Every structure is written in C-alpha cells, then in structure tokens.
All heavy atoms as atom14 arrays in JSON, in Angstrom:
{
  "sequence": "QDPLQNFKQAFHFPRHQDRDVIYFCGNSLGLQPKNVAAAMQTELDTWR",
  "atom14_mask": [
    [1, 1, 1, 1, 1, 1, 1, 1, 1, 0, 0, 0, 0, 0],
    [1, 1, 1, 1, 1, 1, 1, 1, 0, 0, 0, 0, 0, 0],
    [1, 1, 1, 1, 1, 1, 1, 0, 0, 0, 0, 0, 0, 0],
    [1, 1, 1, 1, 1, 1, 1, 1, 0, 0, 0, 0, 0, 0],
    [1, 1, 1, 1, 1, 1, 1, 1, 1, 0, 0, 0, 0, 0],
    [1, 1, 1, 1, 1, 1, 1, 1, 0, 0, 0, 0, 0, 0],
    [1, 1, 1, 1, 1, 1, 1, 1, 1, 1, 1, 0, 0, 0],
    [1, 1, 1, 1, 1, 1, 1, 1, 1, 0, 0, 0, 0, 0],
    [1, 1, 1, 1, 1, 1, 1, 1, 1, 0, 0, 0, 0, 0],
    [1, 1, 1, 1, 1, 0, 0, 0, 0, 0, 0, 0, 0, 0],
    [1, 1, 1, 1, 1, 1, 1, 1, 1, 1, 1, 0, 0, 0],
    [1, 1, 1, 1, 1, 1, 1, 1, 1, 1, 0, 0, 0, 0],
    [1, 1, 1, 1, 1, 1, 1, 1, 1, 1, 1, 0, 0, 0],
    [1, 1, 1, 1, 1, 1, 1, 0, 0, 0, 0, 0, 0, 0],
    [1, 1, 1, 1, 1, 1, 1, 1, 1, 1, 1, 0, 0, 0],
    [1, 1, 1, 1, 1, 1, 1, 1, 1, 1, 0, 0, 0, 0],
    [1, 1, 1, 1, 1, 1, 1, 1, 1, 0, 0, 0, 0, 0],
    [1, 1, 1, 1, 1, 1, 1, 1, 0, 0, 0, 0, 0, 0],
    [1, 1, 1, 1, 1, 1, 1, 1, 1, 1, 1, 0, 0, 0],
    [1, 1, 1, 1, 1, 1, 1, 1, 0, 0, 0, 0, 0, 0],
    [1, 1, 1, 1, 1, 1, 1, 0, 0, 0, 0, 0, 0, 0],
    [1, 1, 1, 1, 1, 1, 1, 1, 0, 0, 0, 0, 0, 0],
    [1, 1, 1, 1, 1, 1, 1, 1, 1, 1, 1, 1, 0, 0],
    [1, 1, 1, 1, 1, 1, 1, 1, 1, 1, 1, 0, 0, 0],
    [1, 1, 1, 1, 1, 1, 0, 0, 0, 0, 0, 0, 0, 0],
    [1, 1, 1, 1, 0, 0, 0, 0, 0, 0, 0, 0, 0, 0],
    [1, 1, 1, 1, 1, 1, 1, 1, 0, 0, 0, 0, 0, 0],
    [1, 1, 1, 1, 1, 1, 0, 0, 0, 0, 0, 0, 0, 0],
    [1, 1, 1, 1, 1, 1, 1, 1, 0, 0, 0, 0, 0, 0],
    [1, 1, 1, 1, 0, 0, 0, 0, 0, 0, 0, 0, 0, 0],
    [1, 1, 1, 1, 1, 1, 1, 1, 0, 0, 0, 0, 0, 0],
    [1, 1, 1, 1, 1, 1, 1, 1, 1, 0, 0, 0, 0, 0],
    [1, 1, 1, 1, 1, 1, 1, 0, 0, 0, 0, 0, 0, 0],
    [1, 1, 1, 1, 1, 1, 1, 1, 1, 0, 0, 0, 0, 0],
    [1, 1, 1, 1, 1, 1, 1, 1, 0, 0, 0, 0, 0, 0],
    [1, 1, 1, 1, 1, 1, 1, 0, 0, 0, 0, 0, 0, 0],
    [1, 1, 1, 1, 1, 0, 0, 0, 0, 0, 0, 0, 0, 0],
    [1, 1, 1, 1, 1, 0, 0, 0, 0, 0, 0, 0, 0, 0],
    [1, 1, 1, 1, 1, 0, 0, 0, 0, 0, 0, 0, 0, 0],
    [1, 1, 1, 1, 1, 1, 1, 1, 0, 0, 0, 0, 0, 0],
    [1, 1, 1, 1, 1, 1, 1, 1, 1, 0, 0, 0, 0, 0],
    [1, 1, 1, 1, 1, 1, 1, 0, 0, 0, 0, 0, 0, 0],
    [1, 1, 1, 1, 1, 1, 1, 1, 1, 0, 0, 0, 0, 0],
    [1, 1, 1, 1, 1, 1, 1, 1, 0, 0, 0, 0, 0, 0],
    [1, 1, 1, 1, 1, 1, 1, 1, 0, 0, 0, 0, 0, 0],
    [1, 1, 1, 1, 1, 1, 1, 0, 0, 0, 0, 0, 0, 0],
    [1, 1, 1, 1, 1, 1, 1, 1, 1, 1, 1, 1, 1, 1],
    [1, 1, 1, 1, 1, 1, 1, 1, 1, 1, 1, 0, 0, 0]
  ],
  "atom14_positions": [
    [[-0.23, 19.27, -20.97], [-0.83, 20.55, -20.65], [-1.77, 20.48, -19.44], [-2.32, 21.51, -19.04], [-1.61, 21.06, -21.86], [-0.73, 21.36, -23.07], [-1.53, 21.67, -24.33], [-2.73, 21.43, -24.39], [-0.85, 22.18, -25.35], [0.0, 0.0, 0.0], [0.0, 0.0, 0.0], [0.0, 0.0, 0.0], [0.0, 0.0, 0.0], [0.0, 0.0, 0.0]],
    [[-1.93, 19.3, -18.88], [-2.87, 19.08, -17.78], [-2.22, 19.54, -16.45], [-1.22, 18.98, -16.02], [-3.24, 17.6, -17.68], [-4.09, 17.28, -16.47], [-4.69, 18.2, -15.88], [-4.15, 16.07, -16.1], [0.0, 0.0, 0.0], [0.0, 0.0, 0.0], [0.0, 0.0, 0.0], [0.0, 0.0, 0.0], [0.0, 0.0, 0.0], [0.0, 0.0, 0.0]],
    [[-2.76, 20.56, -15.8], [-2.17, 21.02, -14.53], [-2.28, 19.98, -13.4], [-1.63, 20.15, -12.38], [-2.98, 22.28, -14.21], [-4.28, 22.11, -14.92], [-3.95, 21.35, -16.17], [0.0, 0.0, 0.0], [0.0, 0.0, 0.0], [0.0, 0.0, 0.0], [0.0, 0.0, 0.0], [0.0, 0.0, 0.0], [0.0, 0.0, 0.0], [0.0, 0.0, 0.0]],
    [[-3.08, 18.96, -13.59], [-3.27, 17.92, -12.56], [-2.52, 16.64, -12.91], [-2.71, 15.61, -12.24], [-4.77, 17.6, -12.41], [-5.68, 18.79, -12.08], [-7.13, 18.31, -12.02], [-5.27, 19.43, -10.77], [0.0, 0.0, 0.0], [0.0, 0.0, 0.0], [0.0, 0.0, 0.0], [0.0, 0.0, 0.0], [0.0, 0.0, 0.0], [0.0, 0.0, 0.0]],
    [[-1.64, 16.69, -13.91], [-1.02, 15.45, -14.41], [-0.24, 14.71, -13.33], [-0.17, 13.46, -13.34], [-0.11, 15.77, -15.59], [1.05, 16.72, -15.26], [1.94, 17.01, -16.46], [2.5, 16.09, -17.03], [2.03, 18.28, -16.85], [0.0, 0.0, 0.0], [0.0, 0.0, 0.0], [0.0, 0.0, 0.0], [0.0, 0.0, 0.0], [0.0, 0.0, 0.0]],
    [[0.36, 15.41, -12.37], [1.22, 14.76, -11.4], [0.46, 13.95, -10.37], [1.04, 13.12, -9.67], [2.1, 15.79, -10.7], [3.15, 16.38, -11.63], [3.57, 15.74, -12.61], [3.54, 17.62, -11.38], [0.0, 0.0, 0.0], [0.0, 0.0, 0.0], [0.0, 0.0, 0.0], [0.0, 0.0, 0.0], [0.0, 0.0, 0.0], [0.0, 0.0, 0.0]],
    [[-0.83, 14.18, -10.25], [-1.61, 13.43, -9.25], [-1.7, 11.94, -9.58], [-1.92, 11.13, -8.69], [-3.0, 14.04, -9.09], [-3.01, 15.32, -8.31], [-2.96, 16.54, -8.95], [-3.06, 15.29, -6.92], [-2.94, 17.72, -8.23], [-3.03, 16.47, -6.18], [-2.97, 17.69, -6.83], [0.0, 0.0, 0.0], [0.0, 0.0, 0.0], [0.0, 0.0, 0.0]],
    [[-1.53, 11.61, -10.82], [-1.54, 10.18, -11.21], [-0.47, 9.41, -10.45], [-0.67, 8.23, -10.09], [-1.31, 10.07, -12.72], [-1.5, 8.64, -13.29], [-1.28, 8.67, -14.8], [-1.5, 7.31, -15.42], [-2.92, 6.91, -15.37], [0.0, 0.0, 0.0], [0.0, 0.0, 0.0], [0.0, 0.0, 0.0], [0.0, 0.0, 0.0], [0.0, 0.0, 0.0]],
    [[0.65, 10.08, -10.19], [1.74, 9.41, -9.48], [1.48, 9.26, -8.0], [2.26, 8.6, -7.29], [3.04, 10.23, -9.68], [3.37, 10.53, -11.12], [3.39, 9.28, -12.0], [3.94, 8.26, -11.62], [2.77, 9.37, -13.19], [0.0, 0.0, 0.0], [0.0, 0.0, 0.0], [0.0, 0.0, 0.0], [0.0, 0.0, 0.0], [0.0, 0.0, 0.0]],
    [[0.41, 9.82, -7.51], [0.09, 9.75, -6.08], [-0.77, 8.53, -5.74], [-1.22, 8.39, -4.59], [-0.64, 11.03, -5.65], [0.0, 0.0, 0.0], [0.0, 0.0, 0.0], [0.0, 0.0, 0.0], [0.0, 0.0, 0.0], [0.0, 0.0, 0.0], [0.0, 0.0, 0.0], [0.0, 0.0, 0.0], [0.0, 0.0, 0.0], [0.0, 0.0, 0.0]],
    [[-1.0, 7.64, -6.72], [-1.89, 6.5, -6.5], [-1.22, 5.19, -6.92], [-0.39, 5.18, -7.83], [-3.2, 6.68, -7.3], [-4.08, 7.75, -6.75], [-3.92, 9.07, -7.12], [-5.09, 7.43, -5.85], [-4.72, 10.07, -6.61], [-5.91, 8.43, -5.35], [-5.72, 9.74, -5.71], [0.0, 0.0, 0.0], [0.0, 0.0, 0.0], [0.0, 0.0, 0.0]],
    [[-1.6, 4.12, -6.27], [-1.17, 2.78, -6.64], [-2.14, 2.2, -7.68], [-3.35, 2.2, -7.45], [-1.15, 1.86, -5.43], [-0.12, 2.2, -4.4], [1.23, 2.01, -4.62], [-0.23, 2.72, -3.15], [1.9, 2.39, -3.55], [1.04, 2.83, -2.64], [0.0, 0.0, 0.0], [0.0, 0.0, 0.0], [0.0, 0.0, 0.0], [0.0, 0.0, 0.0]],
    [[-1.59, 1.69, -8.78], [-2.41, 1.07, -9.82], [-2.18, -0.45, -9.8], [-1.01, -0.9, -9.69], [-2.04, 1.59, -11.21], [-2.6, 2.96, -11.52], [-2.03, 4.09, -10.97], [-3.69, 3.09, -12.35], [-2.52, 5.34, -11.26], [-4.21, 4.34, -12.65], [-3.62, 5.47, -12.09], [0.0, 0.0, 0.0], [0.0, 0.0, 0.0], [0.0, 0.0, 0.0]],
    [[-3.21, -1.25, -9.94], [-2.98, -2.68, -10.21], [-2.2, -2.83, -11.51], [-2.21, -1.94, -12.36], [-4.41, -3.24, -10.34], [-5.3, -2.22, -9.7], [-4.63, -0.9, -9.91], [0.0, 0.0, 0.0], [0.0, 0.0, 0.0], [0.0, 0.0, 0.0], [0.0, 0.0, 0.0], [0.0, 0.0, 0.0], [0.0, 0.0, 0.0], [0.0, 0.0, 0.0]],
    [[-1.57, -3.99, -11.64], [-0.73, -4.24, -12.81], [-1.32, -5.35, -13.65], [-1.96, -6.28, -13.15], [0.69, -4.62, -12.38], [1.37, -3.58, -11.5], [1.91, -2.42, -12.29], [3.1, -2.8, -13.07], [3.75, -1.96, -13.86], [3.34, -0.69, -13.99], [4.82, -2.36, -14.52], [0.0, 0.0, 0.0], [0.0, 0.0, 0.0], [0.0, 0.0, 0.0]],
    [[-1.09, -5.25, -14.96], [-1.49, -6.29, -15.91], [-0.4, -6.42, -16.95], [-0.07, -5.44, -17.64], [-2.82, -5.92, -16.58], [-3.25, -6.88, -17.66], [-3.85, -8.07, -17.37], [-3.14, -6.81, -19.0], [-4.11, -8.71, -18.5], [-3.69, -7.96, -19.5], [0.0, 0.0, 0.0], [0.0, 0.0, 0.0], [0.0, 0.0, 0.0], [0.0, 0.0, 0.0]],
    [[0.22, -7.59, -17.0], [1.32, -7.84, -17.95], [2.4, -6.76, -17.85], [2.8, -6.14, -18.84], [0.79, -7.97, -19.37], [-0.15, -9.15, -19.56], [-0.69, -9.28, -20.98], [-0.51, -8.38, -21.8], [-1.35, -10.39, -21.27], [0.0, 0.0, 0.0], [0.0, 0.0, 0.0], [0.0, 0.0, 0.0], [0.0, 0.0, 0.0], [0.0, 0.0, 0.0]],
    [[2.84, -6.51, -16.59], [3.93, -5.58, -16.3], [3.62, -4.13, -16.69], [4.53, -3.33, -16.96], [5.23, -6.02, -16.99], [5.72, -7.36, -16.47], [5.58, -7.6, -15.25], [6.22, -8.17, -17.28], [0.0, 0.0, 0.0], [0.0, 0.0, 0.0], [0.0, 0.0, 0.0], [0.0, 0.0, 0.0], [0.0, 0.0, 0.0], [0.0, 0.0, 0.0]],
    [[2.34, -3.8, -16.69], [1.95, -2.42, -16.99], [0.76, -2.04, -16.13], [-0.06, -2.9, -15.79], [1.59, -2.3, -18.48], [1.38, -0.88, -18.97], [1.19, -0.86, -20.48], [1.18, 0.51, -20.98], [1.02, 0.85, -22.25], [0.89, -0.1, -23.17], [1.03, 2.11, -22.61], [0.0, 0.0, 0.0], [0.0, 0.0, 0.0], [0.0, 0.0, 0.0]],
    [[0.67, -0.76, -15.78], [-0.51, -0.31, -15.04], [-1.78, -0.61, -15.82], [-1.82, -0.38, -17.05], [-0.46, 1.19, -14.77], [0.6, 1.56, -13.72], [1.15, 0.63, -13.07], [0.86, 2.77, -13.57], [0.0, 0.0, 0.0], [0.0, 0.0, 0.0], [0.0, 0.0, 0.0], [0.0, 0.0, 0.0], [0.0, 0.0, 0.0], [0.0, 0.0, 0.0]],
    [[-2.81, -1.09, -15.13], [-4.08, -1.28, -15.82], [-4.68, 0.08, -16.18], [-4.3, 1.12, -15.63], [-5.08, -2.06, -14.94], [-4.55, -3.41, -14.56], [-5.49, -1.24, -13.72], [0.0, 0.0, 0.0], [0.0, 0.0, 0.0], [0.0, 0.0, 0.0], [0.0, 0.0, 0.0], [0.0, 0.0, 0.0], [0.0, 0.0, 0.0], [0.0, 0.0, 0.0]],
    [[-5.57, 0.06, -17.14], [-6.39, 1.24, -17.41], [-7.54, 1.18, -16.42], [-8.43, 0.33, -16.5], [-6.92, 1.21, -18.85], [-5.75, 1.19, -19.84], [-7.83, 2.39, -19.13], [-6.17, 0.9, -21.27], [0.0, 0.0, 0.0], [0.0, 0.0, 0.0], [0.0, 0.0, 0.0], [0.0, 0.0, 0.0], [0.0, 0.0, 0.0], [0.0, 0.0, 0.0]],
    [[-7.5, 2.07, -15.42], [-8.46, 1.97, -14.32], [-9.57, 2.99, -14.48], [-9.42, 4.16, -14.14], [-7.75, 2.16, -12.97], [-8.6, 1.66, -11.82], [-8.62, 0.31, -11.5], [-9.38, 2.53, -11.1], [-9.4, -0.16, -10.44], [-10.17, 2.08, -10.04], [-10.17, 0.72, -9.73], [-10.96, 0.27, -8.69], [0.0, 0.0, 0.0], [0.0, 0.0, 0.0]],
    [[-10.69, 2.52, -15.0], [-11.87, 3.36, -15.18], [-13.01, 2.86, -14.29], [-14.14, 2.73, -14.72], [-12.32, 3.35, -16.64], [-11.36, 4.07, -17.58], [-11.48, 3.88, -18.96], [-10.38, 4.9, -17.11], [-10.62, 4.54, -19.84], [-9.51, 5.56, -17.97], [-9.63, 5.39, -19.34], [0.0, 0.0, 0.0], [0.0, 0.0, 0.0], [0.0, 0.0, 0.0]],
    [[-12.68, 2.59, -13.03], [-13.65, 2.0, -12.1], [-13.73, 2.76, -10.79], [-14.14, 2.2, -9.77], [-13.29, 0.54, -11.86], [-14.7, -0.53, -11.53], [0.0, 0.0, 0.0], [0.0, 0.0, 0.0], [0.0, 0.0, 0.0], [0.0, 0.0, 0.0], [0.0, 0.0, 0.0], [0.0, 0.0, 0.0], [0.0, 0.0, 0.0], [0.0, 0.0, 0.0]],
    [[-13.34, 4.02, -10.8], [-13.43, 4.82, -9.58], [-14.84, 5.06, -9.12], [-15.06, 5.48, -7.99], [0.0, 0.0, 0.0], [0.0, 0.0, 0.0], [0.0, 0.0, 0.0], [0.0, 0.0, 0.0], [0.0, 0.0, 0.0], [0.0, 0.0, 0.0], [0.0, 0.0, 0.0], [0.0, 0.0, 0.0], [0.0, 0.0, 0.0], [0.0, 0.0, 0.0]],
    [[-15.82, 4.81, -9.99], [-17.22, 4.9, -9.6], [-17.65, 3.71, -8.78], [-18.76, 3.7, -8.24], [-18.11, 5.04, -10.83], [-17.94, 3.88, -11.8], [-16.87, 3.28, -11.87], [-18.98, 3.56, -12.54], [0.0, 0.0, 0.0], [0.0, 0.0, 0.0], [0.0, 0.0, 0.0], [0.0, 0.0, 0.0], [0.0, 0.0, 0.0], [0.0, 0.0, 0.0]],
    [[-16.77, 2.71, -8.64], [-17.06, 1.52, -7.84], [-16.13, 1.45, -6.64], [-16.57, 1.28, -5.51], [-16.94, 0.26, -8.7], [-17.38, -0.89, -7.99], [0.0, 0.0, 0.0], [0.0, 0.0, 0.0], [0.0, 0.0, 0.0], [0.0, 0.0, 0.0], [0.0, 0.0, 0.0], [0.0, 0.0, 0.0], [0.0, 0.0, 0.0], [0.0, 0.0, 0.0]],
    [[-14.82, 1.59, -6.89], [-13.84, 1.63, -5.82], [-12.66, 2.44, -6.3], [-12.02, 2.08, -7.3], [-13.37, 0.24, -5.41], [-12.34, 0.2, -4.29], [-12.96, 0.64, -2.95], [-11.72, -1.19, -4.14], [0.0, 0.0, 0.0], [0.0, 0.0, 0.0], [0.0, 0.0, 0.0], [0.0, 0.0, 0.0], [0.0, 0.0, 0.0], [0.0, 0.0, 0.0]],
    [[-12.36, 3.53, -5.61], [-11.22, 4.35, -5.98], [-9.91, 3.67, -5.68], [-9.82, 2.75, -4.86], [0.0, 0.0, 0.0], [0.0, 0.0, 0.0], [0.0, 0.0, 0.0], [0.0, 0.0, 0.0], [0.0, 0.0, 0.0], [0.0, 0.0, 0.0], [0.0, 0.0, 0.0], [0.0, 0.0, 0.0], [0.0, 0.0, 0.0], [0.0, 0.0, 0.0]],
    [[-8.85, 4.13, -6.35], [-7.51, 3.58, -6.11], [-6.98, 4.02, -4.75], [-7.44, 5.0, -4.15], [-6.56, 4.06, -7.21], [-6.8, 3.54, -8.63], [-5.82, 4.17, -9.6], [-6.74, 2.02, -8.67], [0.0, 0.0, 0.0], [0.0, 0.0, 0.0], [0.0, 0.0, 0.0], [0.0, 0.0, 0.0], [0.0, 0.0, 0.0], [0.0, 0.0, 0.0]],
    [[-5.96, 3.29, -4.29], [-5.34, 3.64, -3.01], [-4.33, 4.77, -3.18], [-3.36, 4.65, -3.94], [-4.63, 2.43, -2.42], [-3.98, 2.71, -1.07], [-3.12, 1.57, -0.57], [-1.99, 1.76, -0.12], [-3.65, 0.36, -0.65], [0.0, 0.0, 0.0], [0.0, 0.0, 0.0], [0.0, 0.0, 0.0], [0.0, 0.0, 0.0], [0.0, 0.0, 0.0]],
    [[-4.52, 5.89, -2.48], [-3.49, 6.93, -2.51], [-2.21, 6.44, -1.82], [-2.26, 5.69, -0.83], [-4.13, 8.08, -1.7], [-5.6, 7.8, -1.72], [-5.72, 6.31, -1.71], [0.0, 0.0, 0.0], [0.0, 0.0, 0.0], [0.0, 0.0, 0.0], [0.0, 0.0, 0.0], [0.0, 0.0, 0.0], [0.0, 0.0, 0.0], [0.0, 0.0, 0.0]],
    [[-1.08, 6.85, -2.33], [0.2, 6.37, -1.78], [0.47, 6.93, -0.39], [1.29, 6.37, 0.35], [1.34, 6.76, -2.74], [1.32, 5.97, -4.03], [2.47, 6.36, -4.96], [2.44, 5.54, -6.26], [3.51, 5.94, -7.2], [0.0, 0.0, 0.0], [0.0, 0.0, 0.0], [0.0, 0.0, 0.0], [0.0, 0.0, 0.0], [0.0, 0.0, 0.0]],
    [[-0.22, 8.0, 0.0], [0.0, 8.55, 1.34], [-0.78, 7.82, 2.43], [-0.63, 8.14, 3.6], [-0.32, 10.05, 1.36], [-1.77, 10.37, 1.04], [-2.54, 9.47, 0.67], [-2.16, 11.61, 1.21], [0.0, 0.0, 0.0], [0.0, 0.0, 0.0], [0.0, 0.0, 0.0], [0.0, 0.0, 0.0], [0.0, 0.0, 0.0], [0.0, 0.0, 0.0]],
    [[-1.57, 6.83, 2.05], [-2.4, 6.15, 3.03], [-1.56, 5.27, 3.96], [-1.84, 5.21, 5.16], [-3.48, 5.29, 2.32], [-4.12, 4.3, 3.28], [-4.54, 6.18, 1.71], [0.0, 0.0, 0.0], [0.0, 0.0, 0.0], [0.0, 0.0, 0.0], [0.0, 0.0, 0.0], [0.0, 0.0, 0.0], [0.0, 0.0, 0.0], [0.0, 0.0, 0.0]],
    [[-0.57, 4.58, 3.45], [0.2, 3.66, 4.27], [0.85, 4.39, 5.45], [0.79, 3.93, 6.59], [1.26, 2.97, 3.43], [0.0, 0.0, 0.0], [0.0, 0.0, 0.0], [0.0, 0.0, 0.0], [0.0, 0.0, 0.0], [0.0, 0.0, 0.0], [0.0, 0.0, 0.0], [0.0, 0.0, 0.0], [0.0, 0.0, 0.0], [0.0, 0.0, 0.0]],
    [[1.45, 5.55, 5.19], [2.08, 6.31, 6.27], [1.03, 6.82, 7.24], [1.25, 6.85, 8.48], [2.9, 7.47, 5.69], [0.0, 0.0, 0.0], [0.0, 0.0, 0.0], [0.0, 0.0, 0.0], [0.0, 0.0, 0.0], [0.0, 0.0, 0.0], [0.0, 0.0, 0.0], [0.0, 0.0, 0.0], [0.0, 0.0, 0.0], [0.0, 0.0, 0.0]],
    [[-0.11, 7.27, 6.72], [-1.18, 7.75, 7.58], [-1.7, 6.64, 8.5], [-1.96, 6.85, 9.69], [-2.3, 8.35, 6.74], [0.0, 0.0, 0.0], [0.0, 0.0, 0.0], [0.0, 0.0, 0.0], [0.0, 0.0, 0.0], [0.0, 0.0, 0.0], [0.0, 0.0, 0.0], [0.0, 0.0, 0.0], [0.0, 0.0, 0.0], [0.0, 0.0, 0.0]],
    [[-1.85, 5.46, 7.93], [-2.3, 4.32, 8.71], [-1.26, 3.94, 9.76], [-1.59, 3.65, 10.92], [-2.59, 3.13, 7.79], [-3.32, 1.99, 8.46], [-5.05, 2.38, 8.8], [-5.75, 2.35, 7.13], [0.0, 0.0, 0.0], [0.0, 0.0, 0.0], [0.0, 0.0, 0.0], [0.0, 0.0, 0.0], [0.0, 0.0, 0.0], [0.0, 0.0, 0.0]],
    [[0.01, 3.99, 9.38], [1.08, 3.65, 10.31], [1.12, 4.62, 11.48], [1.42, 4.22, 12.63], [2.43, 3.63, 9.59], [3.56, 3.04, 10.43], [3.3, 1.59, 10.8], [3.01, 0.76, 9.93], [3.39, 1.27, 12.09], [0.0, 0.0, 0.0], [0.0, 0.0, 0.0], [0.0, 0.0, 0.0], [0.0, 0.0, 0.0], [0.0, 0.0, 0.0]],
    [[0.82, 5.88, 11.21], [0.79, 6.86, 12.3], [-0.19, 6.45, 13.38], [0.11, 6.52, 14.59], [0.41, 8.25, 11.74], [1.44, 8.71, 10.87], [0.22, 9.26, 12.87], [0.0, 0.0, 0.0], [0.0, 0.0, 0.0], [0.0, 0.0, 0.0], [0.0, 0.0, 0.0], [0.0, 0.0, 0.0], [0.0, 0.0, 0.0], [0.0, 0.0, 0.0]],
    [[-1.38, 6.02, 12.97], [-2.38, 5.64, 13.98], [-2.04, 4.29, 14.62], [-2.33, 4.07, 15.79], [-3.77, 5.61, 13.34], [-4.18, 6.91, 12.66], [-3.97, 8.16, 13.51], [-4.02, 8.07, 14.76], [-3.74, 9.23, 12.91], [0.0, 0.0, 0.0], [0.0, 0.0, 0.0], [0.0, 0.0, 0.0], [0.0, 0.0, 0.0], [0.0, 0.0, 0.0]],
    [[-1.43, 3.39, 13.87], [-0.98, 2.14, 14.45], [0.11, 2.39, 15.51], [0.11, 1.76, 16.59], [-0.43, 1.21, 13.35], [-1.46, 0.59, 12.42], [-0.77, -0.12, 11.26], [-2.37, -0.4, 13.16], [0.0, 0.0, 0.0], [0.0, 0.0, 0.0], [0.0, 0.0, 0.0], [0.0, 0.0, 0.0], [0.0, 0.0, 0.0], [0.0, 0.0, 0.0]],
    [[0.99, 3.34, 15.21], [2.04, 3.69, 16.18], [1.42, 4.29, 17.43], [1.85, 3.99, 18.56], [3.02, 4.68, 15.56], [3.88, 4.05, 14.46], [3.91, 2.8, 14.37], [4.5, 4.82, 13.7], [0.0, 0.0, 0.0], [0.0, 0.0, 0.0], [0.0, 0.0, 0.0], [0.0, 0.0, 0.0], [0.0, 0.0, 0.0], [0.0, 0.0, 0.0]],
    [[0.44, 5.16, 17.24], [-0.23, 5.77, 18.4], [-0.91, 4.72, 19.25], [-0.82, 4.72, 20.48], [-1.26, 6.8, 17.92], [-0.61, 7.83, 17.19], [-2.0, 7.43, 19.1], [0.0, 0.0, 0.0], [0.0, 0.0, 0.0], [0.0, 0.0, 0.0], [0.0, 0.0, 0.0], [0.0, 0.0, 0.0], [0.0, 0.0, 0.0], [0.0, 0.0, 0.0]],
    [[-1.57, 3.78, 18.6], [-2.23, 2.68, 19.33], [-1.2, 1.86, 20.1], [-1.38, 1.51, 21.27], [-3.02, 1.84, 18.34], [-3.83, 0.71, 18.92], [-4.24, 0.56, 20.21], [-4.31, -0.42, 18.22], [-4.95, -0.59, 20.36], [-5.02, -1.21, 19.14], [-4.23, -0.83, 16.87], [-5.63, -2.42, 18.77], [-4.85, -2.02, 16.51], [-5.54, -2.8, 17.44]],
    [[-0.09, 1.53, 19.42], [0.95, 0.7, 20.03], [1.6, 1.41, 21.22], [1.82, 0.82, 22.28], [2.01, 0.35, 18.99], [3.1, -0.58, 19.54], [4.22, -0.83, 18.53], [4.98, 0.38, 18.26], [5.09, 0.96, 17.09], [4.44, 0.46, 16.04], [5.81, 2.06, 16.92], [0.0, 0.0, 0.0], [0.0, 0.0, 0.0], [0.0, 0.0, 0.0]]
  ]
}
C-alpha cells in the first residue's frame, strides 16, 4: 500500500549472505542511487 515502494529499487544495497542487508544507517551515509553511475559518466565524458 506504500505509494513510495518502488523507490527501494532505485538504490544499491550492500549484500550479506546473498541477501540485501537491512540498511538503517542513512543517518550516517545514504545508499548509492542507481542513477549516479550514468550521471558521473556524463561528466567524465564531457571532461574527456
């Protein structure tokens, strides 16, 4: 019933024993959004 449920799939989770960890540490370091790699590559391409 969560209207935001799909956003979970937009992030990379560390793994533990072949399963996503339970990540309750965003108050220290947030997870990496999956769209970051392409965004970073865009600027690397521009630089190159």
